[in-house]
């Protein structure tokens, strides 16, 4: 593997707004760098699932995240922590 494919190996990245646009591009770059990527979305579940299906590597998943709601944001952080340790 090239260095760019392993630079983030074993790391976890949450990308909010990750199902489209700049967020989706960030998701792809992080996955190519070896990170496990959590695609945070508000209403783009289907787009997030499509994106994950095409990502390099394993361990990626989609999670509804609404940062304006602190309880939802906290629940997302807890879920990510439980999933990845």
PDB file of N, CA and C in Angstrom:
ATOM      1  N   UNK A   1       0.823  -1.191   0.000  1.00  0.00           N
ATOM      2  CA  UNK A   1       0.000   0.000   0.000  1.00  0.00           C
ATOM      3  C   UNK A   1       0.863   1.250   0.000  1.00  0.00           C
ATOM      4  N   UNK A   2       0.387   2.247  -0.677  1.00  0.00           N
ATOM      5  CA  UNK A   2       1.071   3.531  -0.676  1.00  0.00           C
ATOM      6  C   UNK A   2       0.830   4.228   0.658  1.00  0.00           C
ATOM      7  N   UNK A   3       1.713   5.156   1.009  1.00  0.00           N
ATOM      8  CA  UNK A   3       1.566   5.887   2.273  1.00  0.00           C
ATOM      9  C   UNK A   3       0.207   6.552   2.414  1.00  0.00           C
ATOM     10  N   UNK A   4      -0.329   7.102   1.317  1.00  0.00           N
ATOM     11  CA  UNK A   4      -1.619   7.785   1.398  1.00  0.00           C
ATOM     12  C   UNK A   4      -2.748   6.825   1.725  1.00  0.00           C
ATOM     13  N   UNK A   5      -2.554   5.536   1.430  1.00  0.00           N
ATOM     14  CA  UNK A   5      -3.593   4.543   1.717  1.00  0.00           C
ATOM     15  C   UNK A   5      -3.532   4.042   3.154  1.00  0.00           C
ATOM     16  N   UNK A   6      -2.483   4.351   3.877  1.00  0.00           N
ATOM     17  CA  UNK A   6      -2.352   3.862   5.247  1.00  0.00           C
ATOM     18  C   UNK A   6      -2.167   4.972   6.270  1.00  0.00           C
ATOM     19  N   UNK A   7      -2.160   6.206   5.835  1.00  0.00           N
ATOM     20  CA  UNK A   7      -1.887   7.329   6.731  1.00  0.00           C
ATOM     21  C   UNK A   7      -2.837   7.370   7.917  1.00  0.00           C
ATOM     22  N   UNK A   8      -4.072   6.958   7.722  1.00  0.00           N
ATOM     23  CA  UNK A   8      -5.069   7.003   8.797  1.00  0.00           C
ATOM     24  C   UNK A   8      -5.560   5.611   9.192  1.00  0.00           C
ATOM     25  N   UNK A   9      -4.781   4.603   8.873  1.00  0.00           N
ATOM     26  CA  UNK A   9      -5.179   3.224   9.187  1.00  0.00           C
ATOM     27  C   UNK A   9      -5.517   3.077  10.665  1.00  0.00           C
ATOM     28  N   UNK A  10      -6.705   2.524  10.936  1.00  0.00           N
ATOM     29  CA  UNK A  10      -7.132   2.291  12.300  1.00  0.00           C
ATOM     30  C   UNK A  10      -7.790   3.484  12.974  1.00  0.00           C
ATOM     31  N   UNK A  11      -7.756   4.633  12.350  1.00  0.00           N
ATOM     32  CA  UNK A  11      -8.395   5.832  12.908  1.00  0.00           C
ATOM     33  C   UNK A  11      -9.870   5.846  12.529  1.00  0.00           C
ATOM     34  N   UNK A  12     -10.647   6.593  13.273  1.00  0.00           N
ATOM     35  CA  UNK A  12     -12.082   6.729  13.007  1.00  0.00           C
ATOM     36  C   UNK A  12     -12.369   8.193  12.715  1.00  0.00           C
ATOM     37  N   UNK A  13     -13.136   8.435  11.656  1.00  0.00           N
ATOM     38  CA  UNK A  13     -13.504   9.805  11.295  1.00  0.00           C
ATOM     39  C   UNK A  13     -15.016   9.898  11.146  1.00  0.00           C
ATOM     40  N   UNK A  14     -15.593  10.899  11.780  1.00  0.00           N
ATOM     41  CA  UNK A  14     -17.005  11.218  11.596  1.00  0.00           C
ATOM     42  C   UNK A  14     -17.074  12.423  10.677  1.00  0.00           C
ATOM     43  N   UNK A  15     -17.796  12.282   9.578  1.00  0.00           N
ATOM     44  CA  UNK A  15     -17.991  13.397   8.659  1.00  0.00           C
ATOM     45  C   UNK A  15     -19.467  13.747   8.687  1.00  0.00           C
ATOM     46  N   UNK A  16     -19.782  14.882   9.303  1.00  0.00           N
ATOM     47  CA  UNK A  16     -21.173  15.325   9.317  1.00  0.00           C
ATOM     48  C   UNK A  16     -21.475  15.946   7.960  1.00  0.00           C
ATOM     49  N   UNK A  17     -22.695  15.775   7.500  1.00  0.00           N
ATOM     50  CA  UNK A  17     -23.030  16.223   6.148  1.00  0.00           C
ATOM     51  C   UNK A  17     -22.287  15.402   5.125  1.00  0.00           C
ATOM     52  N   UNK A  18     -22.017  14.150   5.473  1.00  0.00           N
ATOM     53  CA  UNK A  18     -21.156  13.303   4.659  1.00  0.00           C
ATOM     54  C   UNK A  18     -21.815  12.608   3.496  1.00  0.00           C
ATOM     55  N   UNK A  19     -23.110  12.783   3.308  1.00  0.00           N
ATOM     56  CA  UNK A  19     -23.778  12.022   2.250  1.00  0.00           C
ATOM     57  C   UNK A  19     -23.764  12.711   0.894  1.00  0.00           C
ATOM     58  N   UNK A  20     -23.279  13.960   0.828  1.00  0.00           N
ATOM     59  CA  UNK A  20     -23.243  14.634  -0.474  1.00  0.00           C
ATOM     60  C   UNK A  20     -22.203  15.751  -0.475  1.00  0.00           C
ATOM     61  N   UNK A  21     -21.919  16.257  -1.638  1.00  0.00           N
ATOM     62  CA  UNK A  21     -21.049  17.405  -1.804  1.00  0.00           C
ATOM     63  C   UNK A  21     -19.657  17.249  -1.223  1.00  0.00           C
ATOM     64  N   UNK A  22     -19.201  18.316  -0.560  1.00  0.00           N
ATOM     65  CA  UNK A  22     -17.868  18.329   0.027  1.00  0.00           C
ATOM     66  C   UNK A  22     -17.733  17.243   1.086  1.00  0.00           C
ATOM     67  N   UNK A  23     -18.801  16.997   1.850  1.00  0.00           N
ATOM     68  CA  UNK A  23     -18.762  15.946   2.859  1.00  0.00           C
ATOM     69  C   UNK A  23     -18.491  14.579   2.245  1.00  0.00           C
ATOM     70  N   UNK A  24     -19.162  14.259   1.145  1.00  0.00           N
ATOM     71  CA  UNK A  24     -18.960  12.969   0.476  1.00  0.00           C
ATOM     72  C   UNK A  24     -17.542  12.862  -0.074  1.00  0.00           C
ATOM     73  N   UNK A  25     -17.014  13.955  -0.610  1.00  0.00           N
ATOM     74  CA  UNK A  25     -15.633  13.946  -1.102  1.00  0.00           C
ATOM     75  C   UNK A  25     -14.665  13.704   0.056  1.00  0.00           C
ATOM     76  N   UNK A  26     -14.943  14.299   1.200  1.00  0.00           N
ATOM     77  CA  UNK A  26     -14.106  14.090   2.387  1.00  0.00           C
ATOM     78  C   UNK A  26     -14.169  12.637   2.841  1.00  0.00           C
ATOM     79  N   UNK A  27     -15.363  12.061   2.810  1.00  0.00           N
ATOM     80  CA  UNK A  27     -15.536  10.653   3.182  1.00  0.00           C
ATOM     81  C   UNK A  27     -14.659   9.774   2.298  1.00  0.00           C
ATOM     82  N   UNK A  28     -14.705  10.003   0.991  1.00  0.00           N
ATOM     83  CA  UNK A  28     -13.909   9.187   0.061  1.00  0.00           C
ATOM     84  C   UNK A  28     -12.413   9.317   0.347  1.00  0.00           C
ATOM     85  N   UNK A  29     -11.958  10.532   0.578  1.00  0.00           N
ATOM     86  CA  UNK A  29     -10.532  10.754   0.843  1.00  0.00           C
ATOM     87  C   UNK A  29     -10.093  10.087   2.134  1.00  0.00           C
ATOM     88  N   UNK A  30     -10.901  10.183   3.172  1.00  0.00           N
ATOM     89  CA  UNK A  30     -10.568   9.550   4.449  1.00  0.00           C
ATOM     90  C   UNK A  30     -10.525   8.033   4.333  1.00  0.00           C
ATOM     91  N   UNK A  31     -11.486   7.463   3.617  1.00  0.00           N
ATOM     92  CA  UNK A  31     -11.504   6.009   3.420  1.00  0.00           C
ATOM     93  C   UNK A  31     -10.280   5.563   2.628  1.00  0.00           C
ATOM     94  N   UNK A  32      -9.915   6.318   1.601  1.00  0.00           N
ATOM     95  CA  UNK A  32      -8.733   5.977   0.806  1.00  0.00           C
ATOM     96  C   UNK A  32      -7.454   6.067   1.630  1.00  0.00           C
ATOM     97  N   UNK A  33      -7.465   6.906   2.658  1.00  0.00           N
ATOM     98  CA  UNK A  33      -6.304   7.052   3.542  1.00  0.00           C
ATOM     99  C   UNK A  33      -6.293   5.991   4.639  1.00  0.00           C
ATOM    100  N   UNK A  34      -7.308   5.117   4.657  1.00  0.00           N
ATOM    101  CA  UNK A  34      -7.323   3.999   5.588  1.00  0.00           C
ATOM    102  C   UNK A  34      -8.193   4.156   6.816  1.00  0.00           C
ATOM    103  N   UNK A  35      -8.902   5.260   6.947  1.00  0.00           N
ATOM    104  CA  UNK A  35      -9.745   5.477   8.126  1.00  0.00           C
ATOM    105  C   UNK A  35     -11.047   4.686   8.027  1.00  0.00           C
ATOM    106  N   UNK A  36     -11.606   4.361   9.184  1.00  0.00           N
ATOM    107  CA  UNK A  36     -12.975   3.872   9.277  1.00  0.00           C
ATOM    108  C   UNK A  36     -13.828   5.135   9.292  1.00  0.00           C
ATOM    109  N   UNK A  37     -14.760   5.244   8.354  1.00  0.00           N
ATOM    110  CA  UNK A  37     -15.497   6.492   8.228  1.00  0.00           C
ATOM    111  C   UNK A  37     -16.961   6.303   8.622  1.00  0.00           C
ATOM    112  N   UNK A  38     -17.419   7.188   9.482  1.00  0.00           N
ATOM    113  CA  UNK A  38     -18.826   7.261   9.852  1.00  0.00           C
ATOM    114  C   UNK A  38     -19.416   8.413   9.042  1.00  0.00           C
ATOM    115  N   UNK A  39     -20.358   8.069   8.181  1.00  0.00           N
ATOM    116  CA  UNK A  39     -21.001   9.073   7.338  1.00  0.00           C
ATOM    117  C   UNK A  39     -22.204   9.620   8.098  1.00  0.00           C
ATOM    118  N   UNK A  40     -22.052  10.811   8.645  1.00  0.00           N
ATOM    119  CA  UNK A  40     -23.141  11.459   9.363  1.00  0.00           C
ATOM    120  C   UNK A  40     -24.057  12.155   8.375  1.00  0.00           C
ATOM    121  N   UNK A  41     -25.350  11.935   8.536  1.00  0.00           N
ATOM    122  CA  UNK A  41     -26.307  12.548   7.617  1.00  0.00           C
ATOM    123  C   UNK A  41     -27.520  13.025   8.396  1.00  0.00           C
ATOM    124  N   UNK A  42     -28.248  13.932   7.785  1.00  0.00           N
ATOM    125  CA  UNK A  42     -29.479  14.432   8.377  1.00  0.00           C
ATOM    126  C   UNK A  42     -30.666  13.777   7.682  1.00  0.00           C
ATOM    127  N   UNK A  43     -30.734  13.893   6.365  1.00  0.00           N
ATOM    128  CA  UNK A  43     -31.862  13.313   5.633  1.00  0.00           C
ATOM    129  C   UNK A  43     -31.416  12.481   4.437  1.00  0.00           C
ATOM    130  N   UNK A  44     -30.128  12.260   4.267  1.00  0.00           N
ATOM    131  CA  UNK A  44     -29.624  11.557   3.084  1.00  0.00           C
ATOM    132  C   UNK A  44     -29.251  10.108   3.329  1.00  0.00           C
ATOM    133  N   UNK A  45     -30.118   9.353   4.004  1.00  0.00           N
ATOM    134  CA  UNK A  45     -29.798   7.952   4.322  1.00  0.00           C
ATOM    135  C   UNK A  45     -29.442   7.136   3.084  1.00  0.00           C
ATOM    136  N   UNK A  46     -30.268   7.198   2.059  1.00  0.00           N
ATOM    137  CA  UNK A  46     -30.006   6.400   0.853  1.00  0.00           C
ATOM    138  C   UNK A  46     -28.692   6.795   0.190  1.00  0.00           C
ATOM    139  N   UNK A  47     -28.422   8.090   0.110  1.00  0.00           N
ATOM    140  CA  UNK A  47     -27.149   8.557  -0.472  1.00  0.00           C
ATOM    141  C   UNK A  47     -25.972   8.087   0.379  1.00  0.00           C
ATOM    142  N   UNK A  48     -26.122   8.131   1.692  1.00  0.00           N
ATOM    143  CA  UNK A  48     -25.044   7.683   2.583  1.00  0.00           C
ATOM    144  C   UNK A  48     -24.763   6.200   2.385  1.00  0.00           C
ATOM    145  N   UNK A  49     -25.803   5.395   2.258  1.00  0.00           N
ATOM    146  CA  UNK A  49     -25.618   3.952   2.062  1.00  0.00           C
ATOM    147  C   UNK A  49     -24.962   3.665   0.716  1.00  0.00           C
ATOM    148  N   UNK A  50     -25.347   4.403  -0.315  1.00  0.00           N
ATOM    149  CA  UNK A  50     -24.726   4.265  -1.636  1.00  0.00           C
ATOM    150  C   UNK A  50     -23.246   4.610  -1.561  1.00  0.00           C
ATOM    151  N   UNK A  51     -22.947   5.686  -0.882  1.00  0.00           N
ATOM    152  CA  UNK A  51     -21.564   6.127  -0.743  1.00  0.00           C
ATOM    153  C   UNK A  51     -20.729   5.060  -0.038  1.00  0.00           C
ATOM    154  N   UNK A  52     -21.224   4.532   1.043  1.00  0.00           N
ATOM    155  CA  UNK A  52     -20.501   3.514   1.804  1.00  0.00           C
ATOM    156  C   UNK A  52     -20.222   2.284   0.956  1.00  0.00           C
ATOM    157  N   UNK A  53     -21.195   1.896   0.155  1.00  0.00           N
ATOM    158  CA  UNK A  53     -21.036   0.707  -0.698  1.00  0.00           C
ATOM    159  C   UNK A  53     -19.861   0.846  -1.658  1.00  0.00           C
ATOM    160  N   UNK A  54     -19.520   2.064  -2.029  1.00  0.00           N
ATOM    161  CA  UNK A  54     -18.438   2.275  -2.984  1.00  0.00           C
ATOM    162  C   UNK A  54     -17.104   2.654  -2.366  1.00  0.00           C
ATOM    163  N   UNK A  55     -17.004   2.641  -1.048  1.00  0.00           N
ATOM    164  CA  UNK A  55     -15.769   3.072  -0.394  1.00  0.00           C
ATOM    165  C   UNK A  55     -14.716   1.974  -0.345  1.00  0.00           C
ATOM    166  N   UNK A  56     -13.465   2.410  -0.365  1.00  0.00           N
ATOM    167  CA  UNK A  56     -12.344   1.501  -0.162  1.00  0.00           C
ATOM    168  C   UNK A  56     -12.321   1.082   1.305  1.00  0.00           C
ATOM    169  N   UNK A  57     -11.832  -0.112   1.564  1.00  0.00           N
ATOM    170  CA  UNK A  57     -11.673  -0.563   2.940  1.00  0.00           C
ATOM    171  C   UNK A  57     -12.974  -1.044   3.569  1.00  0.00           C
ATOM    172  N   UNK A  58     -12.897  -1.286   4.866  1.00  0.00           N
ATOM    173  CA  UNK A  58     -14.037  -1.819   5.616  1.00  0.00           C
ATOM    174  C   UNK A  58     -14.257  -1.000   6.873  1.00  0.00           C
ATOM    175  N   UNK A  59     -15.375  -1.270   7.536  1.00  0.00           N
ATOM    176  CA  UNK A  59     -15.647  -0.651   8.824  1.00  0.00           C
ATOM    177  C   UNK A  59     -16.350   0.686   8.745  1.00  0.00           C
ATOM    178  N   UNK A  60     -16.912   1.011   7.587  1.00  0.00           N
ATOM    179  CA  UNK A  60     -17.613   2.273   7.420  1.00  0.00           C
ATOM    180  C   UNK A  60     -19.097   2.062   7.698  1.00  0.00           C
ATOM    181  N   UNK A  61     -19.750   3.092   8.205  1.00  0.00           N
ATOM    182  CA  UNK A  61     -21.194   3.002   8.344  1.00  0.00           C
ATOM    183  C   UNK A  61     -21.829   4.376   8.384  1.00  0.00           C
ATOM    184  N   UNK A  62     -23.139   4.402   8.223  1.00  0.00           N
ATOM    185  CA  UNK A  62     -23.890   5.655   8.200  1.00  0.00           C
ATOM    186  C   UNK A  62     -24.634   5.816   9.513  1.00  0.00           C
ATOM    187  N   UNK A  63     -24.764   7.069   9.936  1.00  0.00           N
ATOM    188  CA  UNK A  63     -25.387   7.360  11.217  1.00  0.00           C
ATOM    189  C   UNK A  63     -26.127   8.694  11.119  1.00  0.00           C
ATOM    190  N   UNK A  64     -27.415   8.706  11.478  1.00  0.00           N
ATOM    191  CA  UNK A  64     -28.106   9.991  11.482  1.00  0.00           C
ATOM    192  C   UNK A  64     -27.557  10.867  12.608  1.00  0.00           C
ATOM    193  N   UNK A  65     -27.123  12.065  12.240  1.00  0.00           N
ATOM    194  CA  UNK A  65     -26.547  12.983  13.218  1.00  0.00           C
ATOM    195  C   UNK A  65     -27.113  14.378  12.967  1.00  0.00           C
ATOM    196  N   UNK A  66     -27.720  14.939  13.995  1.00  0.00           N
ATOM    197  CA  UNK A  66     -28.214  16.317  13.932  1.00  0.00           C
ATOM    198  C   UNK A  66     -27.466  17.101  15.004  1.00  0.00           C
ATOM    199  N   UNK A  67     -26.477  17.829  14.596  1.00  0.00           N
ATOM    200  CA  UNK A  67     -25.624  18.524  15.562  1.00  0.00           C
ATOM    201  C   UNK A  67     -26.335  19.638  16.310  1.00  0.00           C
ATOM    202  N   UNK A  68     -27.421  20.164  15.751  1.00  0.00           N
ATOM    203  CA  UNK A  68     -28.146  21.216  16.468  1.00  0.00           C
ATOM    204  C   UNK A  68     -28.908  20.663  17.666  1.00  0.00           C
ATOM    205  N   UNK A  69     -29.028  19.370  17.749  1.00  0.00           N
ATOM    206  CA  UNK A  69     -29.693  18.704  18.873  1.00  0.00           C
ATOM    207  C   UNK A  69     -28.614  18.028  19.716  1.00  0.00           C
ATOM    208  N   UNK A  70     -28.260  18.624  20.854  1.00  0.00           N
ATOM    209  CA  UNK A  70     -27.136  18.112  21.641  1.00  0.00           C
ATOM    210  C   UNK A  70     -27.343  16.676  22.114  1.00  0.00           C
ATOM    211  N   UNK A  71     -28.572  16.280  22.395  1.00  0.00           N
ATOM    212  CA  UNK A  71     -28.826  14.903  22.838  1.00  0.00           C
ATOM    213  C   UNK A  71     -28.525  13.912  21.713  1.00  0.00           C
ATOM    214  N   UNK A  72     -28.913  14.259  20.493  1.00  0.00           N
ATOM    215  CA  UNK A  72     -28.642  13.387  19.338  1.00  0.00           C
ATOM    216  C   UNK A  72     -27.148  13.319  19.055  1.00  0.00           C
ATOM    217  N   UNK A  73     -26.477  14.462  19.147  1.00  0.00           N
ATOM    218  CA  UNK A  73     -25.028  14.495  18.920  1.00  0.00           C
ATOM    219  C   UNK A  73     -24.299  13.654  19.970  1.00  0.00           C
ATOM    220  N   UNK A  74     -24.726  13.753  21.212  1.00  0.00           N
ATOM    221  CA  UNK A  74     -24.108  12.959  22.285  1.00  0.00           C
ATOM    222  C   UNK A  74     -24.357  11.473  22.066  1.00  0.00           C
ATOM    223  N   UNK A  75     -25.568  11.113  21.676  1.00  0.00           N
ATOM    224  CA  UNK A  75     -25.891   9.710  21.403  1.00  0.00           C
ATOM    225  C   UNK A  75     -25.026   9.168  20.263  1.00  0.00           C
ATOM    226  N   UNK A  76     -24.793   9.984  19.246  1.00  0.00           N
ATOM    227  CA  UNK A  76     -23.945   9.565  18.126  1.00  0.00           C
ATOM    228  C   UNK A  76     -22.519   9.326  18.602  1.00  0.00           C
ATOM    229  N   UNK A  77     -22.003  10.217  19.433  1.00  0.00           N
ATOM    230  CA  UNK A  77     -20.647  10.059  19.959  1.00  0.00           C
ATOM    231  C   UNK A  77     -20.529   8.783  20.785  1.00  0.00           C
ATOM    232  N   UNK A  78     -21.525   8.494  21.585  1.00  0.00           N
ATOM    233  CA  UNK A  78     -21.516   7.268  22.394  1.00  0.00           C
ATOM    234  C   UNK A  78     -21.552   6.044  21.497  1.00  0.00           C
ATOM    235  N   UNK A  79     -22.419   6.057  20.491  1.00  0.00           N
ATOM    236  CA  UNK A  79     -22.515   4.911  19.576  1.00  0.00           C
ATOM    237  C   UNK A  79     -21.195   4.673  18.843  1.00  0.00           C
ATOM    238  N   UNK A  80     -20.569   5.736  18.386  1.00  0.00           N
ATOM    239  CA  UNK A  80     -19.287   5.598  17.696  1.00  0.00           C
ATOM    240  C   UNK A  80     -18.237   5.031  18.638  1.00  0.00           C
ATOM    241  N   UNK A  81     -18.200   5.522  19.863  1.00  0.00           N
ATOM    242  CA  UNK A  81     -17.259   5.004  20.852  1.00  0.00           C
ATOM    243  C   UNK A  81     -17.462   3.535  21.146  1.00  0.00           C
ATOM    244  N   UNK A  82     -18.719   3.119  21.262  1.00  0.00           N
ATOM    245  CA  UNK A  82     -19.016   1.711  21.531  1.00  0.00           C
ATOM    246  C   UNK A  82     -18.647   0.833  20.334  1.00  0.00           C
ATOM    247  N   UNK A  83     -18.873   1.335  19.150  1.00  0.00           N
ATOM    248  CA  UNK A  83     -18.595   0.543  17.950  1.00  0.00           C
ATOM    249  C   UNK A  83     -17.098   0.369  17.715  1.00  0.00           C
ATOM    250  N   UNK A  84     -16.329   1.424  17.921  1.00  0.00           N
ATOM    251  CA  UNK A  84     -14.910   1.370  17.588  1.00  0.00           C
ATOM    252  C   UNK A  84     -13.991   1.288  18.798  1.00  0.00           C
ATOM    253  N   UNK A  85     -14.547   1.407  19.982  1.00  0.00           N
ATOM    254  CA  UNK A  85     -13.741   1.244  21.197  1.00  0.00           C
ATOM    255  C   UNK A  85     -12.973   2.407  21.638  1.00  0.00           C
TER     256      UNK A  85
END
